[in-house]
Each structure stands twice: as C-alpha cells, then as structure tokens.
C-alpha cells in the first residue's frame, strides 16, 4: 500500500507531465466554448431613452440651467425656467422645485438689474444737469 497523495495544483507538474494537463481526476473545461451570456434584445427596439415618459434618472436639464442662469444671465434663466416647467408637466420628470427657484431668482435679479440700470442712467443725467452754472 503506497501512501501517495495527489500533487498540489500550486506545485509544478511532476516529471513527464506537461503543464496544462489534468491531474488525477480533474477535468478540463470545454475548449473553444464561450461562457453563456444573457440574450441580447434585437436591434430597433426602444430602450430607456425611447419615446414616452423618461425613467426617473434625475432632474430636468432645463431646470438646472434655469437655476444656473439666474446667477449668470437672469433673462436666460427666465426662459429656461418656463421651458423646464412645461417639459416637467408633459413628461413627469423631476426638477419642478429647481425650475421654480430658477424662475424666482431670475425674476428678482432681472428686476434688480433693471433698477440698477435706471439708477445709473438717472445718476448720469443728474450729474450732467448743472443748470448752466458749471465751469
């Protein structure tokens, strides 16, 4: 009776046994066969970005732009905000509060800008009205 153990898979093969050959009852995987993959849907079918309501993946892009433009160029924020509100009503996307805040801030900054321009023009007119008593 011999007390022989199967060789460890971590040791190099013994004399006369080439690398890559099965050892003591091990089986090779089927050479040339690929592992099974999930079936692919046929081309031409609509995916997540097809027509209809979009899946809830984040807020409306125009709503975000409305909030950004409120600080950069407020009239563009007003336009983007109104367009975003209409898109959100039609598609059910997220971002209604962003669009609302973009509209509020855009209108406030637009009014402040108009007041500042009117004040600047008024100051320039007042500075040039010396009633003929200037130098």
C-alpha atoms as a PDB file:
ATOM      1  CA  UNK A   1       0.000   0.000   0.000  1.00  0.00           C
ATOM      2  CA  UNK A   2       1.504   3.273  -1.027  1.00  0.00           C
ATOM      3  CA  UNK A   3       0.833   6.487   0.835  1.00  0.00           C
ATOM      4  CA  UNK A   4       0.823   8.688  -2.258  1.00  0.00           C
ATOM      5  CA  UNK A   5      -1.170  11.981  -2.219  1.00  0.00           C
ATOM      6  CA  UNK A   6      -2.319  13.822  -5.336  1.00  0.00           C
ATOM      7  CA  UNK A   7       0.006  16.689  -6.247  1.00  0.00           C
ATOM      8  CA  UNK A   8      -0.938  20.212  -5.232  1.00  0.00           C
ATOM      9  CA  UNK A   9      -2.255  22.421  -8.050  1.00  0.00           C
ATOM     10  CA  UNK A  10       0.178  25.088  -6.841  1.00  0.00           C
ATOM     11  CA  UNK A  11       3.268  22.973  -7.448  1.00  0.00           C
ATOM     12  CA  UNK A  12       4.808  22.388 -10.876  1.00  0.00           C
ATOM     13  CA  UNK A  13       3.839  19.080 -12.500  1.00  0.00           C
ATOM     14  CA  UNK A  14       5.940  16.027 -11.886  1.00  0.00           C
ATOM     15  CA  UNK A  15       8.471  14.551 -14.283  1.00  0.00           C
ATOM     16  CA  UNK A  16       6.964  13.700 -17.663  1.00  0.00           C
ATOM     17  CA  UNK A  17       3.666  15.510 -17.101  1.00  0.00           C
ATOM     18  CA  UNK A  18       3.293  18.643 -19.217  1.00  0.00           C
ATOM     19  CA  UNK A  19       1.787  21.861 -17.946  1.00  0.00           C
ATOM     20  CA  UNK A  20      -1.912  22.294 -18.528  1.00  0.00           C
ATOM     21  CA  UNK A  21      -2.794  18.582 -18.404  1.00  0.00           C
ATOM     22  CA  UNK A  22      -5.462  17.449 -15.952  1.00  0.00           C
ATOM     23  CA  UNK A  23      -4.127  15.817 -12.824  1.00  0.00           C
ATOM     24  CA  UNK A  24      -5.729  12.888 -11.031  1.00  0.00           C
ATOM     25  CA  UNK A  25      -9.381  13.132 -11.961  1.00  0.00           C
ATOM     26  CA  UNK A  26      -9.509  16.808 -12.830  1.00  0.00           C
ATOM     27  CA  UNK A  27     -11.366  17.696 -15.991  1.00  0.00           C
ATOM     28  CA  UNK A  28     -10.626  20.395 -18.499  1.00  0.00           C
ATOM     29  CA  UNK A  29     -13.308  22.925 -19.309  1.00  0.00           C
ATOM     30  CA  UNK A  30     -14.640  22.503 -22.800  1.00  0.00           C
ATOM     31  CA  UNK A  31     -12.060  24.156 -25.001  1.00  0.00           C
ATOM     32  CA  UNK A  32     -13.430  26.576 -27.574  1.00  0.00           C
ATOM     33  CA  UNK A  33     -16.767  27.116 -25.875  1.00  0.00           C
ATOM     34  CA  UNK A  34     -17.673  30.538 -24.597  1.00  0.00           C
ATOM     35  CA  UNK A  35     -19.430  31.036 -21.297  1.00  0.00           C
ATOM     36  CA  UNK A  36     -23.184  31.568 -21.547  1.00  0.00           C
ATOM     37  CA  UNK A  37     -24.305  35.200 -21.862  1.00  0.00           C
ATOM     38  CA  UNK A  38     -27.701  36.750 -21.391  1.00  0.00           C
ATOM     39  CA  UNK A  39     -29.603  37.076 -24.672  1.00  0.00           C
ATOM     40  CA  UNK A  40     -29.388  40.483 -26.331  1.00  0.00           C
ATOM     41  CA  UNK A  41     -32.571  42.296 -27.375  1.00  0.00           C
ATOM     42  CA  UNK A  42     -32.998  42.722 -31.124  1.00  0.00           C
ATOM     43  CA  UNK A  43     -31.991  45.975 -32.737  1.00  0.00           C
ATOM     44  CA  UNK A  44     -34.596  48.647 -33.285  1.00  0.00           C
ATOM     45  CA  UNK A  45     -36.452  48.244 -30.011  1.00  0.00           C
ATOM     46  CA  UNK A  46     -36.792  51.194 -27.718  1.00  0.00           C
ATOM     47  CA  UNK A  47     -34.577  51.257 -24.672  1.00  0.00           C
ATOM     48  CA  UNK A  48     -34.756  53.525 -21.622  1.00  0.00           C
ATOM     49  CA  UNK A  49     -34.391  56.654 -23.788  1.00  0.00           C
ATOM     50  CA  UNK A  50     -37.259  55.840 -26.173  1.00  0.00           C
ATOM     51  CA  UNK A  51     -40.477  57.775 -26.571  1.00  0.00           C
ATOM     52  CA  UNK A  52     -42.794  58.343 -23.654  1.00  0.00           C
ATOM     53  CA  UNK A  53     -42.002  59.379 -20.107  1.00  0.00           C
ATOM     54  CA  UNK A  54     -38.358  59.042 -19.169  1.00  0.00           C
ATOM     55  CA  UNK A  55     -37.434  56.912 -16.194  1.00  0.00           C
ATOM     56  CA  UNK A  56     -36.698  58.896 -13.078  1.00  0.00           C
ATOM     57  CA  UNK A  57     -32.981  59.463 -13.529  1.00  0.00           C
ATOM     58  CA  UNK A  58     -32.599  62.988 -12.252  1.00  0.00           C
ATOM     59  CA  UNK A  59     -33.941  66.483 -12.580  1.00  0.00           C
ATOM     60  CA  UNK A  60     -34.801  68.173 -15.851  1.00  0.00           C
ATOM     61  CA  UNK A  61     -31.733  69.707 -17.503  1.00  0.00           C
ATOM     62  CA  UNK A  62     -33.509  72.982 -18.274  1.00  0.00           C
ATOM     63  CA  UNK A  63     -34.494  73.300 -14.606  1.00  0.00           C
ATOM     64  CA  UNK A  64     -30.832  73.082 -13.613  1.00  0.00           C
ATOM     65  CA  UNK A  65     -29.866  75.573 -16.324  1.00  0.00           C
ATOM     66  CA  UNK A  66     -32.588  77.931 -15.123  1.00  0.00           C
ATOM     67  CA  UNK A  67     -31.073  77.981 -11.651  1.00  0.00           C
ATOM     68  CA  UNK A  68     -27.543  78.450 -13.014  1.00  0.00           C
ATOM     69  CA  UNK A  69     -28.523  81.209 -15.442  1.00  0.00           C
ATOM     70  CA  UNK A  70     -30.346  83.035 -12.641  1.00  0.00           C
ATOM     71  CA  UNK A  71     -26.899  83.983 -11.331  1.00  0.00           C
ATOM     72  CA  UNK A  72     -25.133  84.337 -14.692  1.00  0.00           C
ATOM     73  CA  UNK A  73     -27.653  85.934 -17.079  1.00  0.00           C
ATOM     74  CA  UNK A  74     -31.092  86.203 -15.489  1.00  0.00           C
ATOM     75  CA  UNK A  75     -33.213  86.665 -18.657  1.00  0.00           C
ATOM     76  CA  UNK A  76     -31.928  83.331 -19.971  1.00  0.00           C
ATOM     77  CA  UNK A  77     -32.840  81.812 -16.595  1.00  0.00           C
ATOM     78  CA  UNK A  78     -36.419  83.031 -17.058  1.00  0.00           C
ATOM     79  CA  UNK A  79     -36.686  81.399 -20.486  1.00  0.00           C
ATOM     80  CA  UNK A  80     -35.127  78.123 -19.306  1.00  0.00           C
ATOM     81  CA  UNK A  81     -37.361  78.063 -16.223  1.00  0.00           C
ATOM     82  CA  UNK A  82     -40.573  78.404 -18.212  1.00  0.00           C
ATOM     83  CA  UNK A  83     -39.445  75.784 -20.739  1.00  0.00           C
ATOM     84  CA  UNK A  84     -38.487  73.431 -17.903  1.00  0.00           C
ATOM     85  CA  UNK A  85     -41.879  73.840 -16.209  1.00  0.00           C
ATOM     86  CA  UNK A  86     -43.644  72.936 -19.482  1.00  0.00           C
ATOM     87  CA  UNK A  87     -41.407  69.874 -20.054  1.00  0.00           C
ATOM     88  CA  UNK A  88     -41.871  68.682 -16.476  1.00  0.00           C
ATOM     89  CA  UNK A  89     -45.660  68.968 -16.829  1.00  0.00           C
ATOM     90  CA  UNK A  90     -45.564  66.913 -20.037  1.00  0.00           C
ATOM     91  CA  UNK A  91     -43.038  64.222 -19.110  1.00  0.00           C
ATOM     92  CA  UNK A  92     -43.367  63.936 -15.339  1.00  0.00           C
ATOM     93  CA  UNK A  93     -39.640  64.447 -14.784  1.00  0.00           C
ATOM     94  CA  UNK A  94     -38.160  65.664 -11.533  1.00  0.00           C
ATOM     95  CA  UNK A  95     -36.911  69.215 -11.003  1.00  0.00           C
ATOM     96  CA  UNK A  96     -40.094  71.242 -10.550  1.00  0.00           C
ATOM     97  CA  UNK A  97     -38.703  72.975  -7.449  1.00  0.00           C
ATOM     98  CA  UNK A  98     -35.424  73.726  -9.221  1.00  0.00           C
ATOM     99  CA  UNK A  99     -37.320  75.350 -12.073  1.00  0.00           C
ATOM    100  CA  UNK A 100     -39.452  77.330  -9.618  1.00  0.00           C
ATOM    101  CA  UNK A 101     -36.425  78.629  -7.730  1.00  0.00           C
ATOM    102  CA  UNK A 102     -34.668  79.372 -11.014  1.00  0.00           C
ATOM    103  CA  UNK A 103     -37.671  81.451 -12.091  1.00  0.00           C
ATOM    104  CA  UNK A 104     -37.952  83.294  -8.772  1.00  0.00           C
ATOM    105  CA  UNK A 105     -34.261  84.169  -8.635  1.00  0.00           C
ATOM    106  CA  UNK A 106     -34.139  85.072 -12.321  1.00  0.00           C
ATOM    107  CA  UNK A 107     -37.056  87.483 -11.975  1.00  0.00           C
ATOM    108  CA  UNK A 108     -35.587  89.020  -8.794  1.00  0.00           C
ATOM    109  CA  UNK A 109     -32.157  89.522 -10.375  1.00  0.00           C
ATOM    110  CA  UNK A 110     -33.706  90.878 -13.574  1.00  0.00           C
ATOM    111  CA  UNK A 111     -35.736  93.451 -11.604  1.00  0.00           C
ATOM    112  CA  UNK A 112     -32.669  94.406  -9.554  1.00  0.00           C
ATOM    113  CA  UNK A 113     -30.651  94.762 -12.772  1.00  0.00           C
ATOM    114  CA  UNK A 114     -33.285  96.998 -14.351  1.00  0.00           C
ATOM    115  CA  UNK A 115     -33.450  99.144 -11.198  1.00  0.00           C
ATOM    116  CA  UNK A 116     -29.653  99.412 -11.132  1.00  0.00           C
ATOM    117  CA  UNK A 117     -29.567 100.443 -14.822  1.00  0.00           C
ATOM    118  CA  UNK A 118     -32.293 103.045 -14.272  1.00  0.00           C
ATOM    119  CA  UNK A 119     -30.456 104.373 -11.227  1.00  0.00           C
ATOM    120  CA  UNK A 120     -27.192 104.561 -13.166  1.00  0.00           C
ATOM    121  CA  UNK A 121     -28.878 106.457 -16.011  1.00  0.00           C
ATOM    122  CA  UNK A 122     -30.598 108.766 -13.508  1.00  0.00           C
ATOM    123  CA  UNK A 123     -27.295 109.465 -11.784  1.00  0.00           C
ATOM    124  CA  UNK A 124     -25.621 110.260 -15.119  1.00  0.00           C
ATOM    125  CA  UNK A 125     -28.449 112.631 -16.113  1.00  0.00           C
ATOM    126  CA  UNK A 126     -28.391 114.331 -12.690  1.00  0.00           C
ATOM    127  CA  UNK A 127     -24.586 114.764 -12.848  1.00  0.00           C
ATOM    128  CA  UNK A 128     -24.811 116.407 -16.294  1.00  0.00           C
ATOM    129  CA  UNK A 129     -27.638 118.780 -15.384  1.00  0.00           C
ATOM    130  CA  UNK A 130     -25.707 121.701 -13.958  1.00  0.00           C
ATOM    131  CA  UNK A 131     -28.348 124.283 -14.968  1.00  0.00           C
ATOM    132  CA  UNK A 132     -25.786 126.308 -16.866  1.00  0.00           C
ATOM    133  CA  UNK A 133     -23.809 127.195 -13.756  1.00  0.00           C
ATOM    134  CA  UNK A 134     -20.890 124.890 -14.493  1.00  0.00           C
ATOM    135  CA  UNK A 135     -17.391 125.865 -15.484  1.00  0.00           C
END
